[in-house]
Amino acid sequence: MAEQSFSENLMRALVAELHVLNLQTAARERFGRSYFSLGAHEKTALDQVVTAAVAGNFAVVMPEWLAGPQPQQPVGFRPQA
């Protein structure tokens, strides 16, 4: 991680904090307890729900990123006919 820039590391830290906040909020709404007081099965289920919700929102916002690689266009000069 030392090779990345400061702004990239800052974005990673912010995303990690937002993910933990999502887990904490979902745990409070679903189980009425903190995320860290849940059992292993509850944490796994909650992780899957939050990850699916985030992935669904990302797929709606960024469909061109998830479309896969675009076919490569020919590069260089075309031969004269």
C-alpha atoms as a PDB file:
ATOM      1  CA  MET A   1       0.000   0.000   0.000  1.00  0.00           C
ATOM      2  CA  ALA A   2       2.996   2.276   0.254  1.00  0.00           C
ATOM      3  CA  GLU A   3       3.096   2.724  -3.529  1.00  0.00           C
ATOM      4  CA  GLN A   4      -0.367   4.314  -3.714  1.00  0.00           C
ATOM      5  CA  SER A   5      -0.897   8.013  -3.335  1.00  0.00           C
ATOM      6  CA  PHE A   6      -2.200   9.695  -0.207  1.00  0.00           C
ATOM      7  CA  SER A   7      -5.584  10.421  -1.805  1.00  0.00           C
ATOM      8  CA  GLU A   8      -6.041   6.760  -2.750  1.00  0.00           C
ATOM      9  CA  ASN A   9      -5.197   5.637   0.775  1.00  0.00           C
ATOM     10  CA  LEU A  10      -7.581   8.242   2.179  1.00  0.00           C
ATOM     11  CA  MET A  11     -10.392   6.982  -0.059  1.00  0.00           C
ATOM     12  CA  ARG A  12      -9.749   3.400   1.082  1.00  0.00           C
ATOM     13  CA  ALA A  13      -9.927   4.480   4.716  1.00  0.00           C
ATOM     14  CA  LEU A  14     -13.175   6.370   4.140  1.00  0.00           C
ATOM     15  CA  VAL A  15     -14.752   3.415   2.335  1.00  0.00           C
ATOM     16  CA  ALA A  16     -13.731   1.085   5.157  1.00  0.00           C
ATOM     17  CA  GLU A  17     -15.286   3.395   7.751  1.00  0.00           C
ATOM     18  CA  LEU A  18     -18.493   3.684   5.727  1.00  0.00           C
ATOM     19  CA  HIS A  19     -18.678  -0.102   5.437  1.00  0.00           C
ATOM     20  CA  VAL A  20     -18.374  -0.525   9.212  1.00  0.00           C
ATOM     21  CA  LEU A  21     -21.006   2.186   9.706  1.00  0.00           C
ATOM     22  CA  ASN A  22     -23.340   0.317   7.325  1.00  0.00           C
ATOM     23  CA  LEU A  23     -22.819  -2.894   9.298  1.00  0.00           C
ATOM     24  CA  GLN A  24     -23.436  -1.147  12.624  1.00  0.00           C
ATOM     25  CA  THR A  25     -26.622   0.517  11.373  1.00  0.00           C
ATOM     26  CA  ALA A  26     -27.969  -2.669   9.814  1.00  0.00           C
ATOM     27  CA  ALA A  27     -27.242  -4.652  12.995  1.00  0.00           C
ATOM     28  CA  ARG A  28     -29.103  -2.109  15.127  1.00  0.00           C
ATOM     29  CA  GLU A  29     -32.099  -2.100  12.770  1.00  0.00           C
ATOM     30  CA  ARG A  30     -32.247  -5.882  12.270  1.00  0.00           C
ATOM     31  CA  PHE A  31     -31.273  -7.293  15.636  1.00  0.00           C
ATOM     32  CA  GLY A  32     -31.436  -4.341  18.022  1.00  0.00           C
ATOM     33  CA  ARG A  33     -27.836  -4.973  19.104  1.00  0.00           C
ATOM     34  CA  SER A  34     -24.369  -3.836  18.153  1.00  0.00           C
ATOM     35  CA  TYR A  35     -22.617  -5.638  15.307  1.00  0.00           C
ATOM     36  CA  PHE A  36     -19.832  -6.757  17.620  1.00  0.00           C
ATOM     37  CA  SER A  37     -22.282  -8.429  20.033  1.00  0.00           C
ATOM     38  CA  LEU A  38     -23.799 -10.648  17.321  1.00  0.00           C
ATOM     39  CA  GLY A  39     -23.040 -14.334  16.947  1.00  0.00           C
ATOM     40  CA  ALA A  40     -21.058 -15.795  14.061  1.00  0.00           C
ATOM     41  CA  HIS A  41     -24.128 -16.808  12.035  1.00  0.00           C
ATOM     42  CA  GLU A  42     -25.806 -13.449  12.536  1.00  0.00           C
ATOM     43  CA  LYS A  43     -22.647 -11.609  11.472  1.00  0.00           C
ATOM     44  CA  THR A  44     -22.322 -13.762   8.364  1.00  0.00           C
ATOM     45  CA  ALA A  45     -25.943 -13.175   7.383  1.00  0.00           C
ATOM     46  CA  LEU A  46     -25.640  -9.454   8.014  1.00  0.00           C
ATOM     47  CA  ASP A  47     -22.380  -9.243   6.023  1.00  0.00           C
ATOM     48  CA  GLN A  48     -24.063 -10.912   3.055  1.00  0.00           C
ATOM     49  CA  VAL A  49     -27.093  -8.616   3.223  1.00  0.00           C
ATOM     50  CA  VAL A  50     -25.005  -5.444   3.410  1.00  0.00           C
ATOM     51  CA  THR A  51     -22.628  -6.609   0.669  1.00  0.00           C
ATOM     52  CA  ALA A  52     -25.567  -7.477  -1.607  1.00  0.00           C
ATOM     53  CA  ALA A  53     -27.162  -4.078  -0.986  1.00  0.00           C
ATOM     54  CA  VAL A  54     -23.919  -2.221  -1.709  1.00  0.00           C
ATOM     55  CA  ALA A  55     -23.257  -4.327  -4.830  1.00  0.00           C
ATOM     56  CA  GLY A  56     -26.811  -3.730  -6.057  1.00  0.00           C
ATOM     57  CA  ASN A  57     -26.497   0.014  -5.608  1.00  0.00           C
ATOM     58  CA  PHE A  58     -23.117  -0.005  -7.330  1.00  0.00           C
ATOM     59  CA  ALA A  59     -24.523  -2.010 -10.259  1.00  0.00           C
ATOM     60  CA  VAL A  60     -27.298   0.537 -10.732  1.00  0.00           C
ATOM     61  CA  VAL A  61     -24.948   3.517 -10.548  1.00  0.00           C
ATOM     62  CA  MET A  62     -22.046   2.122 -12.589  1.00  0.00           C
ATOM     63  CA  PRO A  63     -23.383  -0.339 -15.198  1.00  0.00           C
ATOM     64  CA  GLU A  64     -20.637   0.396 -17.723  1.00  0.00           C
ATOM     65  CA  TRP A  65     -17.954  -0.653 -15.218  1.00  0.00           C
ATOM     66  CA  LEU A  66     -19.607  -4.026 -14.711  1.00  0.00           C
ATOM     67  CA  ALA A  67     -20.205  -4.652 -18.411  1.00  0.00           C
ATOM     68  CA  GLY A  68     -16.797  -6.222 -18.799  1.00  0.00           C
ATOM     69  CA  PRO A  69     -13.860  -5.335 -20.985  1.00  0.00           C
ATOM     70  CA  GLN A  70     -14.616  -3.566 -24.221  1.00  0.00           C
ATOM     71  CA  PRO A  71     -13.316  -5.104 -27.450  1.00  0.00           C
ATOM     72  CA  GLN A  72      -9.990  -3.643 -28.502  1.00  0.00           C
ATOM     73  CA  GLN A  73      -9.917  -1.360 -31.487  1.00  0.00           C
ATOM     74  CA  PRO A  74      -7.123  -1.757 -34.041  1.00  0.00           C
ATOM     75  CA  VAL A  75      -4.169   0.457 -33.246  1.00  0.00           C
ATOM     76  CA  GLY A  76      -1.683   1.945 -35.653  1.00  0.00           C
ATOM     77  CA  PHE A  77      -1.697   2.903 -39.303  1.00  0.00           C
ATOM     78  CA  ARG A  78      -3.832   1.104 -41.827  1.00  0.00           C
ATOM     79  CA  PRO A  79      -2.050  -0.093 -44.958  1.00  0.00           C
ATOM     80  CA  GLN A  80      -2.683   1.966 -48.058  1.00  0.00           C
ATOM     81  CA  ALA A  81      -4.891   0.152 -50.562  1.00  0.00           C
END
